[in-house]
Each structure stands twice: as structure tokens, then as C-alpha cells.
Amino acid sequence: MLDEPQLMTMEKVAAIFSVKPGTITRWIAEGKFPEPIRQGHRLLWKNETIKAHLDSLGPKTENK
């Protein structure tokens, strides 16, 4: 049980990316976001999946 990976909810993932949950849903449909683990109606992601996706996006640049 302690070996199980931590899971993030849709709300947490949306907050990390500073978007609404609907945007995450759209990105999934467009193939631009990792597929979630589905538990009933809940969409969950492993922490390492989200970290890997963030890393794949590269550094965020500020608009000046």
C-alpha cells in the first residue's frame, strides 16, 4: 500500500496548469495531455505523469 503512487485529481491538475478543468478535458481529447486513470467518473493522474508532462513542455517564458 505504501508503494502505491500518489494520484492527483482533475482540480489539482487544472490548478497546476492554471486552467479550468474543461481545458484539461479538451487537451486530453486533442491528444495534447496525458490520459488519466479513470475511477468511476473521477479522472486521476500519477504525480510522476504530470511532472513528466511539465518537463516535456520546457521552461516557461515570460511575455515582456
N, C-alpha and C. Protein backbone atom coordinates (compact mmCIF):
# COMPACT_ATOMS: atom_id res chain seq x y z
N MET A 1 0.82 -1.19 0.00
CA MET A 1 0.00 0.00 0.00
C MET A 1 0.87 1.26 0.00
N LEU A 2 1.95 1.27 0.74
CA LEU A 2 2.84 2.43 0.76
C LEU A 2 3.60 2.61 -0.54
N ASP A 3 3.65 1.55 -1.35
CA ASP A 3 4.35 1.63 -2.63
C ASP A 3 3.51 2.28 -3.72
N GLU A 4 2.21 2.47 -3.47
CA GLU A 4 1.32 3.00 -4.49
C GLU A 4 1.67 4.45 -4.80
N PRO A 5 1.61 4.82 -6.06
CA PRO A 5 1.93 6.20 -6.43
C PRO A 5 0.84 7.16 -5.96
N GLN A 6 1.24 8.38 -5.72
CA GLN A 6 0.29 9.42 -5.37
C GLN A 6 -0.52 9.79 -6.61
N LEU A 7 -1.79 10.06 -6.43
CA LEU A 7 -2.66 10.44 -7.54
C LEU A 7 -3.18 11.85 -7.34
N MET A 8 -3.30 12.58 -8.46
CA MET A 8 -3.82 13.95 -8.43
C MET A 8 -5.20 13.98 -9.08
N THR A 9 -6.07 14.78 -8.51
CA THR A 9 -7.41 14.96 -9.06
C THR A 9 -7.38 15.97 -10.22
N MET A 10 -8.48 16.01 -10.95
CA MET A 10 -8.62 16.98 -12.04
C MET A 10 -8.45 18.40 -11.53
N GLU A 11 -9.03 18.69 -10.37
CA GLU A 11 -8.96 20.04 -9.82
C GLU A 11 -7.51 20.43 -9.51
N LYS A 12 -6.76 19.51 -8.94
CA LYS A 12 -5.36 19.78 -8.61
C LYS A 12 -4.54 19.99 -9.89
N VAL A 13 -4.76 19.12 -10.88
CA VAL A 13 -4.02 19.23 -12.14
C VAL A 13 -4.35 20.54 -12.85
N ALA A 14 -5.63 20.90 -12.88
CA ALA A 14 -6.03 22.16 -13.50
C ALA A 14 -5.37 23.35 -12.80
N ALA A 15 -5.29 23.29 -11.48
CA ALA A 15 -4.66 24.37 -10.72
C ALA A 15 -3.16 24.47 -11.04
N ILE A 16 -2.50 23.34 -11.19
CA ILE A 16 -1.07 23.34 -11.52
C ILE A 16 -0.83 24.04 -12.86
N PHE A 17 -1.72 23.80 -13.82
CA PHE A 17 -1.57 24.39 -15.16
C PHE A 17 -2.28 25.73 -15.29
N SER A 18 -2.91 26.20 -14.21
CA SER A 18 -3.62 27.48 -14.19
C SER A 18 -4.70 27.57 -15.27
N VAL A 19 -5.45 26.48 -15.40
CA VAL A 19 -6.55 26.44 -16.36
C VAL A 19 -7.78 25.84 -15.68
N LYS A 20 -8.92 25.91 -16.33
CA LYS A 20 -10.14 25.29 -15.83
C LYS A 20 -10.13 23.80 -16.18
N PRO A 21 -10.84 22.98 -15.41
CA PRO A 21 -10.89 21.54 -15.72
C PRO A 21 -11.34 21.24 -17.16
N GLY A 22 -12.21 22.05 -17.70
CA GLY A 22 -12.66 21.84 -19.08
C GLY A 22 -11.53 21.94 -20.09
N THR A 23 -10.55 22.77 -19.79
CA THR A 23 -9.39 22.90 -20.67
C THR A 23 -8.58 21.62 -20.66
N ILE A 24 -8.40 21.02 -19.47
CA ILE A 24 -7.68 19.75 -19.38
C ILE A 24 -8.42 18.69 -20.18
N THR A 25 -9.75 18.65 -20.04
CA THR A 25 -10.56 17.68 -20.79
C THR A 25 -10.38 17.88 -22.29
N ARG A 26 -10.36 19.12 -22.75
CA ARG A 26 -10.17 19.40 -24.18
C ARG A 26 -8.78 18.96 -24.63
N TRP A 27 -7.76 19.26 -23.83
CA TRP A 27 -6.39 18.86 -24.18
C TRP A 27 -6.28 17.34 -24.30
N ILE A 28 -6.96 16.62 -23.41
CA ILE A 28 -6.95 15.15 -23.48
C ILE A 28 -7.56 14.70 -24.81
N ALA A 29 -8.72 15.27 -25.15
CA ALA A 29 -9.40 14.92 -26.40
C ALA A 29 -8.56 15.24 -27.63
N GLU A 30 -7.75 16.30 -27.55
CA GLU A 30 -6.89 16.71 -28.66
C GLU A 30 -5.56 15.97 -28.68
N GLY A 31 -5.34 15.11 -27.70
CA GLY A 31 -4.08 14.37 -27.63
C GLY A 31 -2.91 15.20 -27.14
N LYS A 32 -3.20 16.31 -26.48
CA LYS A 32 -2.15 17.22 -26.01
C LYS A 32 -1.84 17.04 -24.52
N PHE A 33 -2.50 16.08 -23.88
CA PHE A 33 -2.33 15.88 -22.44
C PHE A 33 -2.38 14.40 -22.14
N PRO A 34 -1.63 13.94 -21.14
CA PRO A 34 -1.63 12.51 -20.81
C PRO A 34 -3.02 11.99 -20.43
N GLU A 35 -3.29 10.77 -20.83
CA GLU A 35 -4.56 10.12 -20.48
C GLU A 35 -4.61 9.91 -18.97
N PRO A 36 -5.78 10.13 -18.39
CA PRO A 36 -5.92 9.92 -16.95
C PRO A 36 -6.21 8.46 -16.61
N ILE A 37 -6.13 8.17 -15.33
CA ILE A 37 -6.62 6.91 -14.78
C ILE A 37 -8.07 7.19 -14.41
N ARG A 38 -8.97 6.35 -14.86
CA ARG A 38 -10.38 6.58 -14.57
C ARG A 38 -10.84 5.69 -13.43
N GLN A 39 -11.40 6.32 -12.40
CA GLN A 39 -12.00 5.60 -11.28
C GLN A 39 -13.44 6.07 -11.20
N GLY A 40 -14.33 5.29 -11.80
CA GLY A 40 -15.72 5.73 -11.91
C GLY A 40 -15.77 6.96 -12.79
N HIS A 41 -16.30 8.04 -12.25
CA HIS A 41 -16.37 9.30 -13.01
C HIS A 41 -15.18 10.20 -12.74
N ARG A 42 -14.30 9.78 -11.83
CA ARG A 42 -13.15 10.60 -11.48
C ARG A 42 -11.99 10.37 -12.45
N LEU A 43 -11.31 11.45 -12.78
CA LEU A 43 -10.10 11.39 -13.59
C LEU A 43 -8.93 11.70 -12.68
N LEU A 44 -7.94 10.81 -12.68
CA LEU A 44 -6.78 10.95 -11.80
C LEU A 44 -5.50 10.75 -12.60
N TRP A 45 -4.43 11.40 -12.16
CA TRP A 45 -3.12 11.24 -12.79
C TRP A 45 -2.09 10.92 -11.73
N LYS A 46 -1.12 10.09 -12.09
CA LYS A 46 0.02 9.85 -11.20
C LYS A 46 0.85 11.12 -11.16
N ASN A 47 1.39 11.42 -9.98
CA ASN A 47 2.24 12.61 -9.84
C ASN A 47 3.36 12.62 -10.87
N GLU A 48 4.00 11.46 -11.06
CA GLU A 48 5.14 11.42 -11.99
C GLU A 48 4.71 11.65 -13.44
N THR A 49 3.46 11.30 -13.78
CA THR A 49 2.96 11.56 -15.13
C THR A 49 2.84 13.07 -15.37
N ILE A 50 2.31 13.77 -14.38
CA ILE A 50 2.16 15.23 -14.52
C ILE A 50 3.52 15.91 -14.52
N LYS A 51 4.43 15.46 -13.66
CA LYS A 51 5.78 16.03 -13.65
C LYS A 51 6.47 15.83 -14.99
N ALA A 52 6.36 14.63 -15.56
CA ALA A 52 6.97 14.34 -16.85
C ALA A 52 6.37 15.23 -17.94
N HIS A 53 5.06 15.44 -17.88
CA HIS A 53 4.41 16.30 -18.89
C HIS A 53 4.89 17.74 -18.75
N LEU A 54 4.98 18.22 -17.52
CA LEU A 54 5.50 19.58 -17.29
C LEU A 54 6.92 19.70 -17.83
N ASP A 55 7.75 18.71 -17.55
CA ASP A 55 9.14 18.72 -18.02
C ASP A 55 9.20 18.73 -19.55
N SER A 56 8.26 18.02 -20.20
CA SER A 56 8.27 17.94 -21.66
C SER A 56 7.89 19.26 -22.32
N LEU A 57 7.22 20.13 -21.57
CA LEU A 57 6.81 21.42 -22.12
C LEU A 57 7.95 22.43 -22.15
N GLY A 58 9.03 22.14 -21.40
CA GLY A 58 10.17 23.04 -21.38
C GLY A 58 9.93 24.21 -20.45
N PRO A 59 10.91 25.09 -20.36
CA PRO A 59 10.79 26.22 -19.44
C PRO A 59 9.73 27.20 -19.92
N LYS A 60 9.02 27.76 -18.96
CA LYS A 60 8.00 28.76 -19.28
C LYS A 60 8.69 30.10 -19.47
N THR A 61 8.35 30.78 -20.55
CA THR A 61 8.94 32.10 -20.82
C THR A 61 7.92 33.18 -20.50
N GLU A 62 8.41 34.28 -20.00
CA GLU A 62 7.53 35.40 -19.67
C GLU A 62 7.42 36.32 -20.88
N ASN A 63 6.20 36.81 -21.11
CA ASN A 63 5.98 37.78 -22.18
C ASN A 63 6.32 39.16 -21.65
N LYS A 64 7.17 39.85 -22.37
CA LYS A 64 7.55 41.22 -21.94
C LYS A 64 7.17 42.21 -23.00
